[in-house]
Amino acid sequence: MALILIALMAVTTMTLRFLPFLIFGENTPRYITYLGKVLPQATIGFLVIYCLKDVSFTSGSYGIPEVVAVVMVAGMQAWKRNTVLSILLGTVVYMFLIRIII
């Protein structure tokens, strides 16, 4: 059941992403092409902001695990240009730090 749901979500997501390009073909408007290029980065930016919105820099762990993990992800991405490796390492570092600091 879970695999069917995941497959349906994947097909729906891919259909929504490819639909404008399939409809317009070679005559894709410039703003659709522009949105196709900038929206993935904007979405990641919004996710980072959403994840950090409740971090308290004045109490508890003072946001140290979150800041270190963000710096780790950004540094690994700049160095290796491998998104999966960057996110995986950032997650491991964050989970390690919240176990140690908190």
PDB file of N, CA and C in Angstrom:
ATOM      1  N   MET A   1       0.821  -1.194   0.000  1.00  0.00           N
ATOM      2  CA  MET A   1       0.000   0.000   0.000  1.00  0.00           C
ATOM      3  C   MET A   1       0.869   1.263   0.000  1.00  0.00           C
ATOM      4  N   ALA A   2       1.911   1.258   0.848  1.00  0.00           N
ATOM      5  CA  ALA A   2       2.796   2.424   0.927  1.00  0.00           C
ATOM      6  C   ALA A   2       3.539   2.637  -0.388  1.00  0.00           C
ATOM      7  N   LEU A   3       3.970   1.551  -1.021  1.00  0.00           N
ATOM      8  CA  LEU A   3       4.677   1.679  -2.295  1.00  0.00           C
ATOM      9  C   LEU A   3       3.767   2.248  -3.389  1.00  0.00           C
ATOM     10  N   ILE A   4       2.506   1.861  -3.363  1.00  0.00           N
ATOM     11  CA  ILE A   4       1.548   2.403  -4.340  1.00  0.00           C
ATOM     12  C   ILE A   4       1.377   3.903  -4.125  1.00  0.00           C
ATOM     13  N   LEU A   5       1.253   4.326  -2.870  1.00  0.00           N
ATOM     14  CA  LEU A   5       1.125   5.749  -2.570  1.00  0.00           C
ATOM     15  C   LEU A   5       2.363   6.530  -3.008  1.00  0.00           C
ATOM     16  N   ILE A   6       3.542   5.983  -2.727  1.00  0.00           N
ATOM     17  CA  ILE A   6       4.779   6.653  -3.127  1.00  0.00           C
ATOM     18  C   ILE A   6       4.864   6.757  -4.645  1.00  0.00           C
ATOM     19  N   ALA A   7       4.501   5.680  -5.330  1.00  0.00           N
ATOM     20  CA  ALA A   7       4.535   5.699  -6.796  1.00  0.00           C
ATOM     21  C   ALA A   7       3.554   6.733  -7.349  1.00  0.00           C
ATOM     22  N   LEU A   8       2.353   6.807  -6.792  1.00  0.00           N
ATOM     23  CA  LEU A   8       1.371   7.791  -7.246  1.00  0.00           C
ATOM     24  C   LEU A   8       1.854   9.221  -7.003  1.00  0.00           C
ATOM     25  N   MET A   9       2.462   9.462  -5.841  1.00  0.00           N
ATOM     26  CA  MET A   9       2.990  10.794  -5.560  1.00  0.00           C
ATOM     27  C   MET A   9       4.119  11.157  -6.518  1.00  0.00           C
ATOM     28  N   ALA A  10       4.971  10.191  -6.835  1.00  0.00           N
ATOM     29  CA  ALA A  10       6.080  10.446  -7.758  1.00  0.00           C
ATOM     30  C   ALA A  10       5.552  10.755  -9.161  1.00  0.00           C
ATOM     31  N   VAL A  11       4.593   9.979  -9.622  1.00  0.00           N
ATOM     32  CA  VAL A  11       4.024  10.214 -10.955  1.00  0.00           C
ATOM     33  C   VAL A  11       3.321  11.567 -11.005  1.00  0.00           C
ATOM     34  N   THR A  12       2.571  11.905  -9.966  1.00  0.00           N
ATOM     35  CA  THR A  12       1.882  13.198  -9.924  1.00  0.00           C
ATOM     36  C   THR A  12       2.878  14.348  -9.942  1.00  0.00           C
ATOM     37  N   THR A  13       3.923  14.253  -9.128  1.00  0.00           N
ATOM     38  CA  THR A  13       4.940  15.300  -9.077  1.00  0.00           C
ATOM     39  C   THR A  13       5.626  15.456 -10.427  1.00  0.00           C
ATOM     40  N   MET A  14       6.006  14.353 -11.032  1.00  0.00           N
ATOM     41  CA  MET A  14       6.681  14.427 -12.331  1.00  0.00           C
ATOM     42  C   MET A  14       5.755  14.993 -13.396  1.00  0.00           C
ATOM     43  N   THR A  15       4.481  14.593 -13.365  1.00  0.00           N
ATOM     44  CA  THR A  15       3.527  15.111 -14.345  1.00  0.00           C
ATOM     45  C   THR A  15       3.374  16.621 -14.206  1.00  0.00           C
ATOM     46  N   LEU A  16       3.233  17.100 -12.980  1.00  0.00           N
ATOM     47  CA  LEU A  16       3.086  18.538 -12.772  1.00  0.00           C
ATOM     48  C   LEU A  16       4.329  19.312 -13.191  1.00  0.00           C
ATOM     49  N   ARG A  17       5.492  18.724 -13.007  1.00  0.00           N
ATOM     50  CA  ARG A  17       6.726  19.413 -13.387  1.00  0.00           C
ATOM     51  C   ARG A  17       6.936  19.448 -14.893  1.00  0.00           C
ATOM     52  N   PHE A  18       6.588  18.353 -15.573  1.00  0.00           N
ATOM     53  CA  PHE A  18       6.833  18.265 -17.012  1.00  0.00           C
ATOM     54  C   PHE A  18       5.697  18.818 -17.856  1.00  0.00           C
ATOM     55  N   LEU A  19       4.515  18.980 -17.273  1.00  0.00           N
ATOM     56  CA  LEU A  19       3.332  19.381 -18.026  1.00  0.00           C
ATOM     57  C   LEU A  19       3.519  20.682 -18.817  1.00  0.00           C
ATOM     58  N   PRO A  20       4.032  21.766 -18.222  1.00  0.00           N
ATOM     59  CA  PRO A  20       4.193  22.996 -19.014  1.00  0.00           C
ATOM     60  C   PRO A  20       5.105  22.804 -20.222  1.00  0.00           C
ATOM     61  N   PHE A  21       6.155  22.018 -20.062  1.00  0.00           N
ATOM     62  CA  PHE A  21       7.087  21.809 -21.160  1.00  0.00           C
ATOM     63  C   PHE A  21       6.481  20.897 -22.229  1.00  0.00           C
ATOM     64  N   LEU A  22       5.640  19.958 -21.805  1.00  0.00           N
ATOM     65  CA  LEU A  22       4.969  19.095 -22.780  1.00  0.00           C
ATOM     66  C   LEU A  22       3.890  19.857 -23.539  1.00  0.00           C
ATOM     67  N   ILE A  23       3.184  20.746 -22.853  1.00  0.00           N
ATOM     68  CA  ILE A  23       2.118  21.518 -23.500  1.00  0.00           C
ATOM     69  C   ILE A  23       2.705  22.492 -24.518  1.00  0.00           C
ATOM     70  N   PHE A  24       3.732  23.217 -24.127  1.00  0.00           N
ATOM     71  CA  PHE A  24       4.280  24.261 -24.992  1.00  0.00           C
ATOM     72  C   PHE A  24       5.329  23.734 -25.974  1.00  0.00           C
ATOM     73  N   GLY A  25       5.973  22.621 -25.665  1.00  0.00           N
ATOM     74  CA  GLY A  25       6.997  22.062 -26.548  1.00  0.00           C
ATOM     75  C   GLY A  25       8.155  23.020 -26.741  1.00  0.00           C
ATOM     76  N   GLU A  26       8.495  23.273 -27.993  1.00  0.00           N
ATOM     77  CA  GLU A  26       9.601  24.173 -28.323  1.00  0.00           C
ATOM     78  C   GLU A  26       9.257  25.637 -28.061  1.00  0.00           C
ATOM     79  N   ASN A  27       7.980  25.957 -27.979  1.00  0.00           N
ATOM     80  CA  ASN A  27       7.529  27.346 -27.808  1.00  0.00           C
ATOM     81  C   ASN A  27       7.248  27.684 -26.350  1.00  0.00           C
ATOM     82  N   THR A  28       8.011  27.109 -25.433  1.00  0.00           N
ATOM     83  CA  THR A  28       7.818  27.375 -24.015  1.00  0.00           C
ATOM     84  C   THR A  28       8.099  28.847 -23.735  1.00  0.00           C
ATOM     85  N   PRO A  29       7.156  29.547 -23.101  1.00  0.00           N
ATOM     86  CA  PRO A  29       7.393  30.963 -22.782  1.00  0.00           C
ATOM     87  C   PRO A  29       8.625  31.119 -21.887  1.00  0.00           C
ATOM     88  N   ARG A  30       9.262  32.263 -22.033  1.00  0.00           N
ATOM     89  CA  ARG A  30      10.502  32.507 -21.279  1.00  0.00           C
ATOM     90  C   ARG A  30      10.274  32.483 -19.773  1.00  0.00           C
ATOM     91  N   TYR A  31       9.107  32.978 -19.315  1.00  0.00           N
ATOM     92  CA  TYR A  31       8.880  32.995 -17.864  1.00  0.00           C
ATOM     93  C   TYR A  31       8.696  31.583 -17.311  1.00  0.00           C
ATOM     94  N   ILE A  32       8.150  30.655 -18.093  1.00  0.00           N
ATOM     95  CA  ILE A  32       8.029  29.262 -17.641  1.00  0.00           C
ATOM     96  C   ILE A  32       9.426  28.644 -17.538  1.00  0.00           C
ATOM     97  N   THR A  33      10.268  28.888 -18.522  1.00  0.00           N
ATOM     98  CA  THR A  33      11.645  28.394 -18.483  1.00  0.00           C
ATOM     99  C   THR A  33      12.391  28.994 -17.299  1.00  0.00           C
ATOM    100  N   TYR A  34      12.201  30.289 -17.068  1.00  0.00           N
ATOM    101  CA  TYR A  34      12.844  30.965 -15.937  1.00  0.00           C
ATOM    102  C   TYR A  34      12.391  30.353 -14.613  1.00  0.00           C
ATOM    103  N   LEU A  35      11.081  30.150 -14.465  1.00  0.00           N
ATOM    104  CA  LEU A  35      10.566  29.549 -13.231  1.00  0.00           C
ATOM    105  C   LEU A  35      11.100  28.136 -13.041  1.00  0.00           C
ATOM    106  N   GLY A  36      11.247  27.399 -14.129  1.00  0.00           N
ATOM    107  CA  GLY A  36      11.807  26.054 -14.040  1.00  0.00           C
ATOM    108  C   GLY A  36      13.243  26.052 -13.548  1.00  0.00           C
ATOM    109  N   LYS A  37      13.949  27.147 -13.773  1.00  0.00           N
ATOM    110  CA  LYS A  37      15.339  27.236 -13.327  1.00  0.00           C
ATOM    111  C   LYS A  37      15.477  27.750 -11.895  1.00  0.00           C
ATOM    112  N   VAL A  38      14.619  28.681 -11.479  1.00  0.00           N
ATOM    113  CA  VAL A  38      14.818  29.322 -10.176  1.00  0.00           C
ATOM    114  C   VAL A  38      13.964  28.741  -9.049  1.00  0.00           C
ATOM    115  N   LEU A  39      12.858  28.108  -9.355  1.00  0.00           N
ATOM    116  CA  LEU A  39      11.996  27.600  -8.289  1.00  0.00           C
ATOM    117  C   LEU A  39      12.625  26.494  -7.440  1.00  0.00           C
ATOM    118  N   PRO A  40      13.423  25.578  -7.996  1.00  0.00           N
ATOM    119  CA  PRO A  40      14.044  24.580  -7.112  1.00  0.00           C
ATOM    120  C   PRO A  40      14.917  25.215  -6.022  1.00  0.00           C
ATOM    121  N   GLN A  41      15.739  26.205  -6.384  1.00  0.00           N
ATOM    122  CA  GLN A  41      16.582  26.860  -5.383  1.00  0.00           C
ATOM    123  C   GLN A  41      15.748  27.667  -4.392  1.00  0.00           C
ATOM    124  N   ALA A  42      14.692  28.312  -4.880  1.00  0.00           N
ATOM    125  CA  ALA A  42      13.821  29.075  -3.989  1.00  0.00           C
ATOM    126  C   ALA A  42      13.129  28.152  -2.999  1.00  0.00           C
ATOM    127  N   THR A  43      12.717  26.984  -3.465  1.00  0.00           N
ATOM    128  CA  THR A  43      12.065  26.015  -2.580  1.00  0.00           C
ATOM    129  C   THR A  43      13.019  25.557  -1.489  1.00  0.00           C
ATOM    130  N   ILE A  44      14.252  25.269  -1.840  1.00  0.00           N
ATOM    131  CA  ILE A  44      15.241  24.868  -0.838  1.00  0.00           C
ATOM    132  C   ILE A  44      15.469  25.996   0.158  1.00  0.00           C
ATOM    133  N   GLY A  45      15.536  27.232  -0.330  1.00  0.00           N
ATOM    134  CA  GLY A  45      15.693  28.381   0.569  1.00  0.00           C
ATOM    135  C   GLY A  45      14.539  28.493   1.553  1.00  0.00           C
ATOM    136  N   PHE A  46      13.326  28.322   1.067  1.00  0.00           N
ATOM    137  CA  PHE A  46      12.162  28.367   1.954  1.00  0.00           C
ATOM    138  C   PHE A  46      12.199  27.229   2.969  1.00  0.00           C
ATOM    139  N   LEU A  47      12.637  26.045   2.564  1.00  0.00           N
ATOM    140  CA  LEU A  47      12.727  24.923   3.498  1.00  0.00           C
ATOM    141  C   LEU A  47      13.766  25.183   4.588  1.00  0.00           C
ATOM    142  N   VAL A  48      14.883  25.793   4.216  1.00  0.00           N
ATOM    143  CA  VAL A  48      15.906  26.124   5.221  1.00  0.00           C
ATOM    144  C   VAL A  48      15.345  27.129   6.221  1.00  0.00           C
ATOM    145  N   ILE A  49      14.687  28.161   5.720  1.00  0.00           N
ATOM    146  CA  ILE A  49      14.090  29.166   6.607  1.00  0.00           C
ATOM    147  C   ILE A  49      13.043  28.533   7.509  1.00  0.00           C
ATOM    148  N   TYR A  50      12.201  27.664   6.947  1.00  0.00           N
ATOM    149  CA  TYR A  50      11.163  27.007   7.738  1.00  0.00           C
ATOM    150  C   TYR A  50      11.784  26.134   8.826  1.00  0.00           C
ATOM    151  N   CYS A  51      12.857  25.424   8.497  1.00  0.00           N
ATOM    152  CA  CYS A  51      13.494  24.549   9.484  1.00  0.00           C
ATOM    153  C   CYS A  51      14.173  25.330  10.603  1.00  0.00           C
ATOM    154  N   LEU A  52      14.631  26.536  10.309  1.00  0.00           N
ATOM    155  CA  LEU A  52      15.367  27.319  11.304  1.00  0.00           C
ATOM    156  C   LEU A  52      14.500  28.343  12.031  1.00  0.00           C
ATOM    157  N   LYS A  53      13.212  28.435  11.697  1.00  0.00           N
ATOM    158  CA  LYS A  53      12.367  29.489  12.256  1.00  0.00           C
ATOM    159  C   LYS A  53      12.157  29.374  13.761  1.00  0.00           C
ATOM    160  N   ASP A  54      12.192  28.185  14.312  1.00  0.00           N
ATOM    161  CA  ASP A  54      11.942  28.007  15.739  1.00  0.00           C
ATOM    162  C   ASP A  54      13.205  27.779  16.560  1.00  0.00           C
ATOM    163  N   VAL A  55      14.361  27.978  15.968  1.00  0.00           N
ATOM    164  CA  VAL A  55      15.623  27.784  16.686  1.00  0.00           C
ATOM    165  C   VAL A  55      15.808  28.934  17.664  1.00  0.00           C
ATOM    166  N   SER A  56      16.085  28.595  18.910  1.00  0.00           N
ATOM    167  CA  SER A  56      16.307  29.609  19.935  1.00  0.00           C
ATOM    168  C   SER A  56      17.811  29.807  20.119  1.00  0.00           C
ATOM    169  N   PHE A  57      18.261  31.016  19.834  1.00  0.00           N
ATOM    170  CA  PHE A  57      19.681  31.330  19.988  1.00  0.00           C
ATOM    171  C   PHE A  57      19.988  31.895  21.376  1.00  0.00           C
ATOM    172  N   THR A  58      18.968  31.957  22.241  1.00  0.00           N
ATOM    173  CA  THR A  58      19.160  32.531  23.570  1.00  0.00           C
ATOM    174  C   THR A  58      18.997  31.517  24.695  1.00  0.00           C
ATOM    175  N   SER A  59      18.629  30.279  24.376  1.00  0.00           N
ATOM    176  CA  SER A  59      18.458  29.273  25.423  1.00  0.00           C
ATOM    177  C   SER A  59      18.721  27.882  24.866  1.00  0.00           C
ATOM    178  N   GLY A  60      18.741  26.917  25.758  1.00  0.00           N
ATOM    179  CA  GLY A  60      18.954  25.533  25.349  1.00  0.00           C
ATOM    180  C   GLY A  60      20.335  25.321  24.770  1.00  0.00           C
ATOM    181  N   SER A  61      20.375  24.830  23.569  1.00  0.00           N
ATOM    182  CA  SER A  61      21.661  24.572  22.911  1.00  0.00           C
ATOM    183  C   SER A  61      22.150  25.786  22.128  1.00  0.00           C
ATOM    184  N   TYR A  62      21.407  26.888  22.206  1.00  0.00           N
ATOM    185  CA  TYR A  62      21.764  28.163  21.568  1.00  0.00           C
ATOM    186  C   TYR A  62      21.888  28.061  20.035  1.00  0.00           C
ATOM    187  N   GLY A  63      21.233  27.067  19.451  1.00  0.00           N
ATOM    188  CA  GLY A  63      21.240  26.918  18.006  1.00  0.00           C
ATOM    189  C   GLY A  63      22.540  26.380  17.436  1.00  0.00           C
ATOM    190  N   ILE A  64      23.423  25.907  18.308  1.00  0.00           N
ATOM    191  CA  ILE A  64      24.723  25.412  17.846  1.00  0.00           C
ATOM    192  C   ILE A  64      24.587  24.226  16.889  1.00  0.00           C
ATOM    193  N   PRO A  65      23.790  23.187  17.211  1.00  0.00           N
ATOM    194  CA  PRO A  65      23.677  22.071  16.265  1.00  0.00           C
ATOM    195  C   PRO A  65      23.143  22.497  14.899  1.00  0.00           C
ATOM    196  N   GLU A  66      22.171  23.392  14.907  1.00  0.00           N
ATOM    197  CA  GLU A  66      21.573  23.835  13.643  1.00  0.00           C
ATOM    198  C   GLU A  66      22.565  24.628  12.802  1.00  0.00           C
ATOM    199  N   VAL A  67      23.279  25.545  13.439  1.00  0.00           N
ATOM    200  CA  VAL A  67      24.246  26.378  12.711  1.00  0.00           C
ATOM    201  C   VAL A  67      25.388  25.518  12.172  1.00  0.00           C
ATOM    202  N   VAL A  68      25.898  24.607  12.981  1.00  0.00           N
ATOM    203  CA  VAL A  68      26.989  23.741  12.538  1.00  0.00           C
ATOM    204  C   VAL A  68      26.528  22.869  11.368  1.00  0.00           C
ATOM    205  N   ALA A  69      25.308  22.327  11.453  1.00  0.00           N
ATOM    206  CA  ALA A  69      24.793  21.480  10.370  1.00  0.00           C
ATOM    207  C   ALA A  69      24.605  22.283   9.079  1.00  0.00           C
ATOM    208  N   VAL A  70      24.082  23.495   9.186  1.00  0.00           N
ATOM    209  CA  VAL A  70      23.896  24.329   7.988  1.00  0.00           C
ATOM    210  C   VAL A  70      25.245  24.667   7.363  1.00  0.00           C
ATOM    211  N   VAL A  71      26.217  25.021   8.179  1.00  0.00           N
ATOM    212  CA  VAL A  71      27.554  25.337   7.668  1.00  0.00           C
ATOM    213  C   VAL A  71      28.179  24.094   7.035  1.00  0.00           C
ATOM    214  N   MET A  72      27.956  22.941   7.653  1.00  0.00           N
ATOM    215  CA  MET A  72      28.494  21.691   7.120  1.00  0.00           C
ATOM    216  C   MET A  72      27.891  21.382   5.746  1.00  0.00           C
ATOM    217  N   VAL A  73      26.578  21.520   5.626  1.00  0.00           N
ATOM    218  CA  VAL A  73      25.917  21.261   4.345  1.00  0.00           C
ATOM    219  C   VAL A  73      26.405  22.245   3.284  1.00  0.00           C
ATOM    220  N   ALA A  74      26.470  23.516   3.626  1.00  0.00           N
ATOM    221  CA  ALA A  74      26.920  24.531   2.662  1.00  0.00           C
ATOM    222  C   ALA A  74      28.377  24.290   2.262  1.00  0.00           C
ATOM    223  N   GLY A  75      29.206  23.963   3.226  1.00  0.00           N
ATOM    224  CA  GLY A  75      30.616  23.707   2.929  1.00  0.00           C
ATOM    225  C   GLY A  75      30.814  22.480   2.055  1.00  0.00           C
ATOM    226  N   MET A  76      30.122  21.405   2.385  1.00  0.00           N
ATOM    227  CA  MET A  76      30.235  20.193   1.574  1.00  0.00           C
ATOM    228  C   MET A  76      29.693  20.414   0.165  1.00  0.00           C
ATOM    229  N   GLN A  77      28.614  21.173   0.051  1.00  0.00           N
ATOM    230  CA  GLN A  77      28.047  21.447  -1.264  1.00  0.00           C
ATOM    231  C   GLN A  77      29.009  22.280  -2.104  1.00  0.00           C
ATOM    232  N   ALA A  78      29.636  23.261  -1.477  1.00  0.00           N
ATOM    233  CA  ALA A  78      30.603  24.087  -2.203  1.00  0.00           C
ATOM    234  C   ALA A  78      31.842  23.279  -2.596  1.00  0.00           C
ATOM    235  N   TRP A  79      32.235  22.337  -1.734  1.00  0.00           N
ATOM    236  CA  TRP A  79      33.450  21.578  -1.966  1.00  0.00           C
ATOM    237  C   TRP A  79      33.228  20.422  -2.952  1.00  0.00           C
ATOM    238  N   LYS A  80      32.242  19.569  -2.678  1.00  0.00           N
ATOM    239  CA  LYS A  80      32.048  18.349  -3.463  1.00  0.00           C
ATOM    240  C   LYS A  80      30.962  18.454  -4.531  1.00  0.00           C
ATOM    241  N   ARG A  81      30.060  19.429  -4.408  1.00  0.00           N
ATOM    242  CA  ARG A  81      28.945  19.588  -5.359  1.00  0.00           C
ATOM    243  C   ARG A  81      28.106  18.312  -5.469  1.00  0.00           C
ATOM    244  N   ASN A  82      27.887  17.661  -4.316  1.00  0.00           N
ATOM    245  CA  ASN A  82      27.095  16.442  -4.271  1.00  0.00           C
ATOM    246  C   ASN A  82      25.990  16.656  -3.245  1.00  0.00           C
ATOM    247  N   THR A  83      24.776  16.881  -3.732  1.00  0.00           N
ATOM    248  CA  THR A  83      23.669  17.230  -2.846  1.00  0.00           C
ATOM    249  C   THR A  83      23.364  16.123  -1.849  1.00  0.00           C
ATOM    250  N   VAL A  84      23.333  14.881  -2.307  1.00  0.00           N
ATOM    251  CA  VAL A  84      23.009  13.766  -1.412  1.00  0.00           C
ATOM    252  C   VAL A  84      24.051  13.657  -0.303  1.00  0.00           C
ATOM    253  N   LEU A  85      25.316  13.739  -0.665  1.00  0.00           N
ATOM    254  CA  LEU A  85      26.388  13.673   0.335  1.00  0.00           C
ATOM    255  C   LEU A  85      26.296  14.838   1.315  1.00  0.00           C
ATOM    256  N   SER A  86      26.012  16.026   0.822  1.00  0.00           N
ATOM    257  CA  SER A  86      25.921  17.208   1.683  1.00  0.00           C
ATOM    258  C   SER A  86      24.789  17.064   2.694  1.00  0.00           C
ATOM    259  N   ILE A  87      23.621  16.668   2.219  1.00  0.00           N
ATOM    260  CA  ILE A  87      22.462  16.529   3.105  1.00  0.00           C
ATOM    261  C   ILE A  87      22.681  15.389   4.091  1.00  0.00           C
ATOM    262  N   LEU A  88      23.227  14.278   3.619  1.00  0.00           N
ATOM    263  CA  LEU A  88      23.475  13.134   4.500  1.00  0.00           C
ATOM    264  C   LEU A  88      24.465  13.498   5.605  1.00  0.00           C
ATOM    265  N   LEU A  89      25.566  14.140   5.228  1.00  0.00           N
ATOM    266  CA  LEU A  89      26.562  14.532   6.233  1.00  0.00           C
ATOM    267  C   LEU A  89      25.989  15.562   7.206  1.00  0.00           C
ATOM    268  N   GLY A  90      25.241  16.534   6.696  1.00  0.00           N
ATOM    269  CA  GLY A  90      24.621  17.526   7.568  1.00  0.00           C
ATOM    270  C   GLY A  90      23.653  16.899   8.554  1.00  0.00           C
ATOM    271  N   THR A  91      22.883  15.922   8.079  1.00  0.00           N
ATOM    272  CA  THR A  91      21.938  15.228   8.966  1.00  0.00           C
ATOM    273  C   THR A  91      22.670  14.433  10.038  1.00  0.00           C
ATOM    274  N   VAL A  92      23.716  13.725   9.644  1.00  0.00           N
ATOM    275  CA  VAL A  92      24.492  12.938  10.614  1.00  0.00           C
ATOM    276  C   VAL A  92      25.129  13.852  11.653  1.00  0.00           C
ATOM    277  N   VAL A  93      25.722  14.949  11.207  1.00  0.00           N
ATOM    278  CA  VAL A  93      26.350  15.899  12.139  1.00  0.00           C
ATOM    279  C   VAL A  93      25.304  16.483  13.084  1.00  0.00           C
ATOM    280  N   TYR A  94      24.163  16.882  12.550  1.00  0.00           N
ATOM    281  CA  TYR A  94      23.100  17.453  13.385  1.00  0.00           C
ATOM    282  C   TYR A  94      22.615  16.439  14.426  1.00  0.00           C
ATOM    283  N   MET A  95      22.345  15.209  13.992  1.00  0.00           N
ATOM    284  CA  MET A  95      21.861  14.192  14.935  1.00  0.00           C
ATOM    285  C   MET A  95      22.908  13.891  16.006  1.00  0.00           C
ATOM    286  N   PHE A  96      24.174  13.868  15.624  1.00  0.00           N
ATOM    287  CA  PHE A  96      25.243  13.654  16.591  1.00  0.00           C
ATOM    288  C   PHE A  96      25.289  14.803  17.599  1.00  0.00           C
ATOM    289  N   LEU A  97      25.212  16.036  17.097  1.00  0.00           N
ATOM    290  CA  LEU A  97      25.302  17.181  17.997  1.00  0.00           C
ATOM    291  C   LEU A  97      24.113  17.311  18.935  1.00  0.00           C
ATOM    292  N   ILE A  98      22.907  16.999  18.468  1.00  0.00           N
ATOM    293  CA  ILE A  98      21.775  17.118  19.395  1.00  0.00           C
ATOM    294  C   ILE A  98      21.826  16.038  20.462  1.00  0.00           C
ATOM    295  N   ARG A  99      22.486  14.928  20.198  1.00  0.00           N
ATOM    296  CA  ARG A  99      22.656  13.899  21.230  1.00  0.00           C
ATOM    297  C   ARG A  99      23.727  14.306  22.237  1.00  0.00           C
ATOM    298  N   ILE A 100      24.727  15.050  21.787  1.00  0.00           N
ATOM    299  CA  ILE A 100      25.841  15.446  22.647  1.00  0.00           C
ATOM    300  C   ILE A 100      25.502  16.717  23.438  1.00  0.00           C
ATOM    301  N   ILE A 101      24.960  17.740  22.768  1.00  0.00           N
ATOM    302  CA  ILE A 101      24.762  19.043  23.395  1.00  0.00           C
ATOM    303  C   ILE A 101      23.528  19.094  24.273  1.00  0.00           C
ATOM    304  N   ILE A 102      22.443  18.497  23.823  1.00  0.00           N
ATOM    305  CA  ILE A 102      21.187  18.606  24.589  1.00  0.00           C
ATOM    306  C   ILE A 102      21.136  17.611  25.699  1.00  0.00           C
TER     307      ILE A 102
END
